[in-house]
């Protein structure tokens, strides 16, 4: 993932202004295209950092939150059969899926900061973030899927691929 035009390109003042703008309540903006671009940049930056992390450290040993055990248990209790190696967008976005995801996500309100913020999630865990391999999800969906991928050894493919190139 290249970062030539990421948050760093904003400079100190621009990044500070973006951080302030992103901390304000959504109701204060309406549909402001500049804010949407800043959110997209923030989500991309998060995705880039996460992918670099799982490329550099064996993901089986990563702890993403203070409540990984709780998230993983609740996730696998609710989504026993979900194929997290290769996610189908319908498993996150269909009306039926949303009916299951909504109560799961809401359990973590007040537990995970910004649990419902937008985040990028890879569909195929063995591949990098690309337009074809990325879906927009909430932060708790990202944590649930990626904690499960890490614990179940599915993200190890990214780590070993990076290690074999070094």
N, C-alpha and C. Protein backbone atom coordinates (compact mmCIF):
# COMPACT_ATOMS: atom_id res chain seq x y z
N UNK A 1 0.85 -1.18 0.00
CA UNK A 1 0.00 0.00 0.00
C UNK A 1 0.89 1.23 0.00
N UNK A 2 0.76 2.05 -0.98
CA UNK A 2 1.53 3.28 -1.05
C UNK A 2 0.83 4.37 -0.26
N UNK A 3 1.64 5.23 0.35
CA UNK A 3 1.04 6.28 1.18
C UNK A 3 1.47 7.67 0.73
N UNK A 4 1.83 7.84 -0.53
CA UNK A 4 2.31 9.13 -1.01
C UNK A 4 1.30 10.25 -0.86
N UNK A 5 0.01 9.94 -0.89
CA UNK A 5 -0.99 10.99 -0.78
C UNK A 5 -1.90 10.77 0.43
N UNK A 6 -1.36 10.22 1.49
CA UNK A 6 -2.13 9.97 2.70
C UNK A 6 -2.18 11.19 3.60
N UNK A 7 -2.45 10.96 4.87
CA UNK A 7 -2.56 12.06 5.83
C UNK A 7 -1.29 12.88 5.93
N UNK A 8 -0.14 12.27 5.72
CA UNK A 8 1.12 13.00 5.82
C UNK A 8 1.18 14.13 4.80
N UNK A 9 0.51 13.96 3.66
CA UNK A 9 0.55 14.99 2.63
C UNK A 9 -0.19 16.26 3.04
N UNK A 10 -0.97 16.18 4.12
CA UNK A 10 -1.70 17.35 4.60
C UNK A 10 -0.80 18.33 5.34
N UNK A 11 0.32 17.87 5.84
CA UNK A 11 1.18 18.69 6.66
C UNK A 11 0.63 18.76 8.08
N UNK A 12 1.37 19.38 8.98
CA UNK A 12 0.99 19.43 10.39
C UNK A 12 -0.33 20.17 10.57
N UNK A 13 -0.45 21.36 9.96
CA UNK A 13 -1.68 22.15 10.14
C UNK A 13 -2.88 21.45 9.52
N UNK A 14 -2.72 20.89 8.35
CA UNK A 14 -3.82 20.20 7.68
C UNK A 14 -4.27 18.97 8.45
N UNK A 15 -3.30 18.20 8.94
CA UNK A 15 -3.62 17.01 9.72
C UNK A 15 -4.32 17.38 11.02
N UNK A 16 -3.88 18.47 11.65
CA UNK A 16 -4.51 18.93 12.88
C UNK A 16 -5.95 19.36 12.62
N UNK A 17 -6.16 20.08 11.54
CA UNK A 17 -7.52 20.52 11.17
C UNK A 17 -8.39 19.32 10.85
N UNK A 18 -7.83 18.35 10.15
CA UNK A 18 -8.60 17.14 9.81
C UNK A 18 -8.98 16.38 11.07
N UNK A 19 -8.04 16.25 12.00
CA UNK A 19 -8.33 15.54 13.25
C UNK A 19 -9.43 16.23 14.03
N UNK A 20 -9.37 17.57 14.07
CA UNK A 20 -10.42 18.32 14.77
C UNK A 20 -11.77 18.13 14.08
N UNK A 21 -11.79 18.22 12.77
CA UNK A 21 -13.04 18.08 12.02
C UNK A 21 -13.64 16.69 12.22
N UNK A 22 -12.79 15.68 12.27
CA UNK A 22 -13.27 14.31 12.41
C UNK A 22 -13.74 14.01 13.83
N UNK A 23 -13.40 14.87 14.78
CA UNK A 23 -13.84 14.64 16.15
C UNK A 23 -15.21 15.27 16.45
N UNK A 24 -15.72 16.07 15.55
CA UNK A 24 -17.02 16.71 15.75
C UNK A 24 -18.15 15.75 15.42
N UNK A 25 -19.33 15.94 16.00
CA UNK A 25 -20.46 15.06 15.71
C UNK A 25 -20.87 15.11 14.24
N UNK A 26 -21.27 13.97 13.71
CA UNK A 26 -21.62 13.87 12.30
C UNK A 26 -22.76 14.82 11.93
N UNK A 27 -23.68 15.06 12.88
CA UNK A 27 -24.83 15.91 12.59
C UNK A 27 -24.42 17.34 12.20
N UNK A 28 -23.22 17.74 12.56
CA UNK A 28 -22.81 19.11 12.29
C UNK A 28 -22.35 19.31 10.84
N UNK A 29 -22.34 18.26 10.04
CA UNK A 29 -21.81 18.36 8.69
C UNK A 29 -22.80 18.17 7.56
N UNK A 30 -23.79 17.34 7.69
CA UNK A 30 -24.61 16.99 6.53
C UNK A 30 -23.78 16.13 5.61
N UNK A 31 -23.87 16.37 4.32
CA UNK A 31 -23.11 15.60 3.32
C UNK A 31 -21.99 16.46 2.74
N UNK A 32 -20.98 16.74 3.52
CA UNK A 32 -19.87 17.56 3.10
C UNK A 32 -18.83 16.68 2.42
N UNK A 33 -18.58 16.88 1.11
CA UNK A 33 -17.63 16.03 0.37
C UNK A 33 -16.21 16.08 0.95
N UNK A 34 -15.79 17.22 1.48
CA UNK A 34 -14.45 17.32 2.05
C UNK A 34 -14.31 16.41 3.28
N UNK A 35 -15.37 16.36 4.09
CA UNK A 35 -15.34 15.49 5.27
C UNK A 35 -15.30 14.03 4.83
N UNK A 36 -16.06 13.69 3.79
CA UNK A 36 -16.04 12.32 3.29
C UNK A 36 -14.65 11.92 2.83
N UNK A 37 -13.94 12.84 2.18
CA UNK A 37 -12.57 12.56 1.74
C UNK A 37 -11.66 12.36 2.95
N UNK A 38 -11.83 13.20 3.98
CA UNK A 38 -11.00 13.04 5.19
C UNK A 38 -11.28 11.70 5.87
N UNK A 39 -12.57 11.29 5.92
CA UNK A 39 -12.89 9.99 6.52
C UNK A 39 -12.27 8.87 5.70
N UNK A 40 -12.32 9.00 4.38
CA UNK A 40 -11.73 7.97 3.52
C UNK A 40 -10.23 7.89 3.75
N UNK A 41 -9.58 9.04 3.90
CA UNK A 41 -8.14 9.06 4.15
C UNK A 41 -7.82 8.42 5.50
N UNK A 42 -8.63 8.71 6.50
CA UNK A 42 -8.41 8.13 7.82
C UNK A 42 -8.59 6.61 7.77
N UNK A 43 -9.62 6.15 7.08
CA UNK A 43 -9.87 4.72 6.95
C UNK A 43 -8.73 4.04 6.19
N UNK A 44 -8.24 4.69 5.13
CA UNK A 44 -7.14 4.15 4.35
C UNK A 44 -5.87 4.07 5.21
N UNK A 45 -5.61 5.11 5.98
CA UNK A 45 -4.44 5.12 6.84
C UNK A 45 -4.50 3.98 7.85
N UNK A 46 -5.66 3.76 8.45
CA UNK A 46 -5.85 2.66 9.39
C UNK A 46 -5.59 1.32 8.71
N UNK A 47 -6.11 1.15 7.51
CA UNK A 47 -5.92 -0.09 6.76
C UNK A 47 -4.44 -0.32 6.45
N UNK A 48 -3.76 0.73 6.06
CA UNK A 48 -2.34 0.63 5.73
C UNK A 48 -1.52 0.22 6.96
N UNK A 49 -1.79 0.85 8.09
CA UNK A 49 -1.08 0.51 9.32
C UNK A 49 -1.35 -0.94 9.71
N UNK A 50 -2.60 -1.36 9.65
CA UNK A 50 -2.95 -2.72 10.03
C UNK A 50 -2.27 -3.74 9.11
N UNK A 51 -2.30 -3.51 7.81
CA UNK A 51 -1.70 -4.46 6.88
C UNK A 51 -0.18 -4.54 7.11
N UNK A 52 0.45 -3.40 7.35
CA UNK A 52 1.89 -3.41 7.65
C UNK A 52 2.17 -4.18 8.93
N UNK A 53 1.28 -4.07 9.90
CA UNK A 53 1.44 -4.78 11.17
C UNK A 53 1.37 -6.30 10.96
N UNK A 54 0.34 -6.77 10.26
CA UNK A 54 0.21 -8.23 10.07
C UNK A 54 1.24 -8.77 9.09
N UNK A 55 1.88 -7.87 8.33
CA UNK A 55 2.96 -8.29 7.44
C UNK A 55 4.28 -8.41 8.19
N UNK A 56 4.38 -7.74 9.34
CA UNK A 56 5.65 -7.66 10.07
C UNK A 56 5.71 -8.52 11.31
N UNK A 57 4.56 -8.85 11.89
CA UNK A 57 4.49 -9.61 13.14
C UNK A 57 3.55 -10.79 12.91
N UNK A 58 3.90 -11.94 13.45
CA UNK A 58 3.01 -13.09 13.32
C UNK A 58 1.65 -12.73 13.91
N UNK A 59 0.61 -12.67 13.09
CA UNK A 59 -0.70 -12.21 13.56
C UNK A 59 -1.31 -13.04 14.69
N UNK A 60 -0.89 -14.28 14.83
CA UNK A 60 -1.44 -15.12 15.91
C UNK A 60 -1.16 -14.52 17.29
N UNK A 61 -0.13 -13.66 17.38
CA UNK A 61 0.26 -13.09 18.67
C UNK A 61 -0.23 -11.66 18.88
N UNK A 62 -0.98 -11.14 17.91
CA UNK A 62 -1.45 -9.76 18.03
C UNK A 62 -2.67 -9.65 18.94
N UNK A 63 -2.70 -8.58 19.68
CA UNK A 63 -3.87 -8.23 20.49
C UNK A 63 -4.31 -6.87 19.97
N UNK A 64 -5.52 -6.81 19.41
CA UNK A 64 -5.99 -5.58 18.79
C UNK A 64 -6.73 -4.67 19.75
N UNK A 65 -7.35 -5.25 20.79
CA UNK A 65 -8.09 -4.45 21.78
C UNK A 65 -7.85 -5.05 23.15
N UNK A 66 -8.33 -4.38 24.18
CA UNK A 66 -8.25 -4.92 25.54
C UNK A 66 -9.26 -6.03 25.75
N UNK A 67 -10.24 -6.14 24.86
CA UNK A 67 -11.31 -7.12 25.03
C UNK A 67 -11.37 -8.11 23.86
N UNK A 68 -10.22 -8.46 23.31
CA UNK A 68 -10.18 -9.42 22.20
C UNK A 68 -10.91 -10.72 22.52
N UNK A 69 -10.71 -11.25 23.73
CA UNK A 69 -11.35 -12.52 24.10
C UNK A 69 -12.87 -12.40 24.04
N UNK A 70 -13.40 -11.30 24.56
CA UNK A 70 -14.85 -11.07 24.56
C UNK A 70 -15.38 -10.93 23.14
N UNK A 71 -14.68 -10.15 22.33
CA UNK A 71 -15.10 -9.95 20.94
C UNK A 71 -15.10 -11.28 20.20
N UNK A 72 -14.00 -12.03 20.34
CA UNK A 72 -13.89 -13.30 19.62
C UNK A 72 -14.98 -14.28 20.04
N UNK A 73 -15.21 -14.41 21.34
CA UNK A 73 -16.24 -15.33 21.84
C UNK A 73 -17.62 -14.95 21.31
N UNK A 74 -17.96 -13.67 21.42
CA UNK A 74 -19.27 -13.21 20.95
C UNK A 74 -19.40 -13.38 19.44
N UNK A 75 -18.31 -13.10 18.72
CA UNK A 75 -18.33 -13.22 17.26
C UNK A 75 -18.58 -14.67 16.84
N UNK A 76 -17.81 -15.60 17.41
CA UNK A 76 -17.95 -16.99 16.98
C UNK A 76 -19.24 -17.62 17.50
N UNK A 77 -19.78 -17.09 18.59
CA UNK A 77 -21.07 -17.56 19.08
C UNK A 77 -22.19 -17.12 18.13
N UNK A 78 -22.07 -15.91 17.62
CA UNK A 78 -23.09 -15.34 16.74
C UNK A 78 -22.91 -15.78 15.29
N UNK A 79 -21.67 -15.88 14.84
CA UNK A 79 -21.36 -16.15 13.43
C UNK A 79 -20.54 -17.44 13.31
N UNK A 80 -21.11 -18.53 13.77
CA UNK A 80 -20.41 -19.82 13.79
C UNK A 80 -19.90 -20.26 12.42
N UNK A 81 -20.71 -20.08 11.41
CA UNK A 81 -20.40 -20.60 10.08
C UNK A 81 -19.84 -19.57 9.10
N UNK A 82 -19.61 -18.35 9.56
CA UNK A 82 -19.15 -17.31 8.65
C UNK A 82 -17.76 -17.62 8.13
N UNK A 83 -17.62 -17.64 6.80
CA UNK A 83 -16.32 -17.89 6.16
C UNK A 83 -15.53 -16.59 6.20
N UNK A 84 -14.59 -16.50 7.13
CA UNK A 84 -13.81 -15.27 7.27
C UNK A 84 -12.56 -15.28 6.41
N UNK A 85 -12.22 -16.43 5.82
CA UNK A 85 -11.08 -16.47 4.91
C UNK A 85 -11.39 -15.66 3.65
N UNK A 86 -12.59 -15.85 3.14
CA UNK A 86 -13.04 -15.13 1.95
C UNK A 86 -14.46 -14.65 2.22
N UNK A 87 -14.56 -13.41 2.68
CA UNK A 87 -15.87 -12.85 3.01
C UNK A 87 -16.69 -12.57 1.75
N UNK A 88 -17.97 -12.84 1.85
CA UNK A 88 -18.91 -12.46 0.82
C UNK A 88 -19.53 -11.14 1.28
N UNK A 89 -19.53 -10.10 0.46
CA UNK A 89 -20.11 -8.82 0.89
C UNK A 89 -21.54 -8.96 1.44
N UNK A 90 -22.30 -9.90 0.92
CA UNK A 90 -23.66 -10.11 1.42
C UNK A 90 -23.67 -10.55 2.89
N UNK A 91 -22.59 -11.18 3.35
CA UNK A 91 -22.51 -11.61 4.74
C UNK A 91 -22.40 -10.42 5.70
N UNK A 92 -22.12 -9.25 5.15
CA UNK A 92 -22.04 -8.03 5.95
C UNK A 92 -23.15 -7.04 5.61
N UNK A 93 -23.57 -7.03 4.35
CA UNK A 93 -24.40 -5.93 3.87
C UNK A 93 -25.85 -6.29 3.53
N UNK A 94 -26.18 -7.56 3.38
CA UNK A 94 -27.56 -7.90 3.04
C UNK A 94 -28.49 -7.53 4.19
N UNK A 95 -29.78 -7.37 3.88
CA UNK A 95 -30.75 -7.04 4.93
C UNK A 95 -30.75 -8.09 6.02
N UNK A 96 -30.66 -9.36 5.63
CA UNK A 96 -30.64 -10.45 6.62
C UNK A 96 -29.39 -10.38 7.49
N UNK A 97 -28.25 -10.12 6.87
CA UNK A 97 -26.99 -10.02 7.62
C UNK A 97 -27.03 -8.84 8.58
N UNK A 98 -27.57 -7.73 8.13
CA UNK A 98 -27.65 -6.54 9.00
C UNK A 98 -28.49 -6.81 10.24
N UNK A 99 -29.51 -7.64 10.11
CA UNK A 99 -30.35 -7.98 11.27
C UNK A 99 -29.56 -8.76 12.32
N UNK A 100 -28.56 -9.50 11.91
CA UNK A 100 -27.71 -10.24 12.84
C UNK A 100 -26.56 -9.37 13.34
N UNK A 101 -25.97 -8.59 12.43
CA UNK A 101 -24.83 -7.75 12.80
C UNK A 101 -25.22 -6.62 13.76
N UNK A 102 -26.38 -6.02 13.55
CA UNK A 102 -26.76 -4.85 14.36
C UNK A 102 -26.70 -5.13 15.86
N UNK A 103 -27.39 -6.18 16.37
CA UNK A 103 -27.31 -6.43 17.81
C UNK A 103 -25.91 -6.82 18.27
N UNK A 104 -25.18 -7.53 17.41
CA UNK A 104 -23.79 -7.88 17.76
C UNK A 104 -22.97 -6.60 17.95
N UNK A 105 -23.04 -5.71 16.99
CA UNK A 105 -22.26 -4.47 17.06
C UNK A 105 -22.66 -3.63 18.26
N UNK A 106 -23.95 -3.52 18.50
CA UNK A 106 -24.44 -2.68 19.58
C UNK A 106 -24.01 -3.17 20.96
N UNK A 107 -23.66 -4.45 21.09
CA UNK A 107 -23.15 -4.97 22.37
C UNK A 107 -21.86 -4.24 22.78
N UNK A 108 -21.16 -3.70 21.79
CA UNK A 108 -19.84 -3.12 22.05
C UNK A 108 -19.85 -1.60 22.12
N UNK A 109 -21.05 -1.02 22.10
CA UNK A 109 -21.16 0.42 22.31
C UNK A 109 -20.72 0.72 23.74
N UNK A 110 -19.80 1.65 23.89
CA UNK A 110 -19.27 1.98 25.21
C UNK A 110 -18.13 1.08 25.65
N UNK A 111 -17.90 0.00 24.91
CA UNK A 111 -16.81 -0.93 25.22
C UNK A 111 -15.63 -0.65 24.28
N UNK A 112 -15.93 -0.50 23.01
CA UNK A 112 -14.93 -0.19 21.98
C UNK A 112 -15.15 1.25 21.55
N UNK A 113 -14.11 2.08 21.69
CA UNK A 113 -14.22 3.47 21.24
C UNK A 113 -14.57 3.48 19.76
N UNK A 114 -15.49 4.36 19.41
CA UNK A 114 -15.87 4.54 18.01
C UNK A 114 -16.24 3.22 17.33
N UNK A 115 -16.97 2.37 18.05
CA UNK A 115 -17.31 1.03 17.58
C UNK A 115 -18.02 1.03 16.22
N UNK A 116 -18.70 2.12 15.90
CA UNK A 116 -19.46 2.14 14.65
C UNK A 116 -18.84 3.05 13.59
N UNK A 117 -17.61 3.48 13.78
CA UNK A 117 -16.91 4.28 12.76
C UNK A 117 -16.64 3.40 11.55
N UNK A 118 -16.56 4.03 10.42
CA UNK A 118 -16.26 3.31 9.18
C UNK A 118 -14.80 2.89 9.10
N UNK A 119 -14.60 1.68 8.63
CA UNK A 119 -13.26 1.09 8.50
C UNK A 119 -13.24 0.24 7.24
N UNK A 120 -12.08 0.05 6.69
CA UNK A 120 -11.93 -0.82 5.52
C UNK A 120 -11.59 -2.24 5.99
N UNK A 121 -12.20 -3.22 5.33
CA UNK A 121 -12.01 -4.62 5.68
C UNK A 121 -11.71 -5.39 4.40
N UNK A 122 -10.67 -6.23 4.45
CA UNK A 122 -10.33 -7.06 3.29
C UNK A 122 -11.34 -8.21 3.16
N UNK A 123 -11.73 -8.51 1.95
CA UNK A 123 -12.63 -9.64 1.72
C UNK A 123 -11.84 -10.95 1.76
N UNK A 124 -10.74 -11.02 1.01
CA UNK A 124 -9.86 -12.19 0.98
C UNK A 124 -8.69 -11.90 1.91
N UNK A 125 -8.58 -12.67 2.98
CA UNK A 125 -7.56 -12.36 4.00
C UNK A 125 -6.14 -12.63 3.53
N UNK A 126 -5.97 -13.29 2.41
CA UNK A 126 -4.62 -13.57 1.92
C UNK A 126 -4.11 -12.49 0.98
N UNK A 127 -4.94 -11.49 0.71
CA UNK A 127 -4.57 -10.42 -0.22
C UNK A 127 -4.56 -9.07 0.48
N UNK A 128 -3.87 -8.13 -0.15
CA UNK A 128 -3.75 -6.76 0.35
C UNK A 128 -5.06 -6.00 0.12
N UNK A 129 -5.12 -4.80 0.64
CA UNK A 129 -6.24 -3.92 0.40
C UNK A 129 -6.16 -3.42 -1.04
N UNK A 130 -7.15 -3.72 -1.83
CA UNK A 130 -7.29 -3.19 -3.19
C UNK A 130 -8.76 -2.81 -3.34
N UNK A 131 -9.07 -2.11 -4.40
CA UNK A 131 -10.47 -1.72 -4.62
C UNK A 131 -11.38 -2.95 -4.69
N UNK A 132 -10.91 -4.01 -5.34
CA UNK A 132 -11.71 -5.22 -5.51
C UNK A 132 -11.77 -6.06 -4.24
N UNK A 133 -10.81 -5.90 -3.35
CA UNK A 133 -10.70 -6.76 -2.17
C UNK A 133 -11.07 -6.03 -0.88
N UNK A 134 -11.76 -4.92 -0.99
CA UNK A 134 -12.04 -4.12 0.19
C UNK A 134 -13.52 -3.79 0.28
N UNK A 135 -14.03 -3.83 1.51
CA UNK A 135 -15.42 -3.45 1.77
C UNK A 135 -15.41 -2.49 2.96
N UNK A 136 -16.38 -1.61 2.99
CA UNK A 136 -16.53 -0.67 4.09
C UNK A 136 -17.32 -1.37 5.19
N UNK A 137 -16.80 -1.35 6.42
CA UNK A 137 -17.44 -2.01 7.55
C UNK A 137 -17.31 -1.11 8.78
N UNK A 138 -18.00 -1.47 9.85
CA UNK A 138 -17.83 -0.73 11.09
C UNK A 138 -16.56 -1.21 11.79
N UNK A 139 -16.08 -0.41 12.71
CA UNK A 139 -14.86 -0.77 13.43
C UNK A 139 -15.02 -2.08 14.19
N UNK A 140 -16.17 -2.31 14.82
CA UNK A 140 -16.36 -3.57 15.57
C UNK A 140 -16.43 -4.76 14.61
N UNK A 141 -16.98 -4.58 13.42
CA UNK A 141 -16.96 -5.67 12.44
C UNK A 141 -15.52 -5.97 12.04
N UNK A 142 -14.74 -4.93 11.81
CA UNK A 142 -13.32 -5.10 11.49
C UNK A 142 -12.62 -5.87 12.61
N UNK A 143 -12.79 -5.42 13.85
CA UNK A 143 -12.13 -6.10 14.97
C UNK A 143 -12.59 -7.56 15.06
N UNK A 144 -13.87 -7.81 14.96
CA UNK A 144 -14.39 -9.17 15.10
C UNK A 144 -13.78 -10.09 14.04
N UNK A 145 -13.81 -9.67 12.80
CA UNK A 145 -13.29 -10.50 11.71
C UNK A 145 -11.79 -10.66 11.81
N UNK A 146 -11.07 -9.57 12.04
CA UNK A 146 -9.60 -9.66 12.06
C UNK A 146 -9.07 -10.37 13.31
N UNK A 147 -9.72 -10.22 14.44
CA UNK A 147 -9.31 -10.99 15.62
C UNK A 147 -9.50 -12.48 15.34
N UNK A 148 -10.62 -12.83 14.73
CA UNK A 148 -10.87 -14.24 14.38
C UNK A 148 -9.84 -14.73 13.35
N UNK A 149 -9.57 -13.94 12.34
CA UNK A 149 -8.57 -14.34 11.35
C UNK A 149 -7.21 -14.55 12.00
N UNK A 150 -6.84 -13.67 12.91
CA UNK A 150 -5.55 -13.81 13.60
C UNK A 150 -5.51 -15.07 14.44
N UNK A 151 -6.53 -15.28 15.26
CA UNK A 151 -6.56 -16.43 16.17
C UNK A 151 -6.66 -17.76 15.43
N UNK A 152 -7.34 -17.75 14.31
CA UNK A 152 -7.53 -18.98 13.54
C UNK A 152 -6.42 -19.21 12.51
N UNK A 153 -5.42 -18.35 12.53
CA UNK A 153 -4.24 -18.52 11.68
C UNK A 153 -4.42 -18.13 10.23
N UNK A 154 -5.51 -17.48 9.90
CA UNK A 154 -5.77 -17.15 8.50
C UNK A 154 -4.95 -15.97 7.99
N UNK A 155 -4.56 -15.06 8.85
CA UNK A 155 -3.72 -13.93 8.43
C UNK A 155 -2.24 -14.30 8.36
N UNK A 156 -1.91 -15.49 8.78
CA UNK A 156 -0.51 -15.93 8.74
C UNK A 156 0.02 -15.94 7.31
N UNK A 157 -0.85 -16.16 6.34
CA UNK A 157 -0.42 -16.18 4.93
C UNK A 157 0.20 -14.84 4.52
N UNK A 158 -0.34 -13.74 5.02
CA UNK A 158 0.21 -12.41 4.70
C UNK A 158 1.60 -12.28 5.31
N UNK A 159 1.73 -12.70 6.56
CA UNK A 159 3.00 -12.62 7.27
C UNK A 159 4.07 -13.49 6.59
N UNK A 160 3.73 -14.72 6.29
CA UNK A 160 4.72 -15.63 5.70
C UNK A 160 5.10 -15.19 4.28
N UNK A 161 4.14 -14.63 3.53
CA UNK A 161 4.45 -14.14 2.19
C UNK A 161 5.45 -12.98 2.28
N UNK A 162 5.27 -12.11 3.23
CA UNK A 162 6.18 -10.98 3.42
C UNK A 162 7.56 -11.47 3.86
N UNK A 163 7.58 -12.45 4.78
CA UNK A 163 8.85 -13.00 5.28
C UNK A 163 9.63 -13.69 4.16
N UNK A 164 8.94 -14.38 3.28
CA UNK A 164 9.62 -15.11 2.20
C UNK A 164 10.22 -14.16 1.17
N UNK A 165 9.69 -12.94 1.07
CA UNK A 165 10.23 -11.93 0.14
C UNK A 165 11.47 -11.26 0.73
N UNK A 166 11.60 -11.29 2.05
CA UNK A 166 12.72 -10.59 2.71
C UNK A 166 14.00 -11.36 2.63
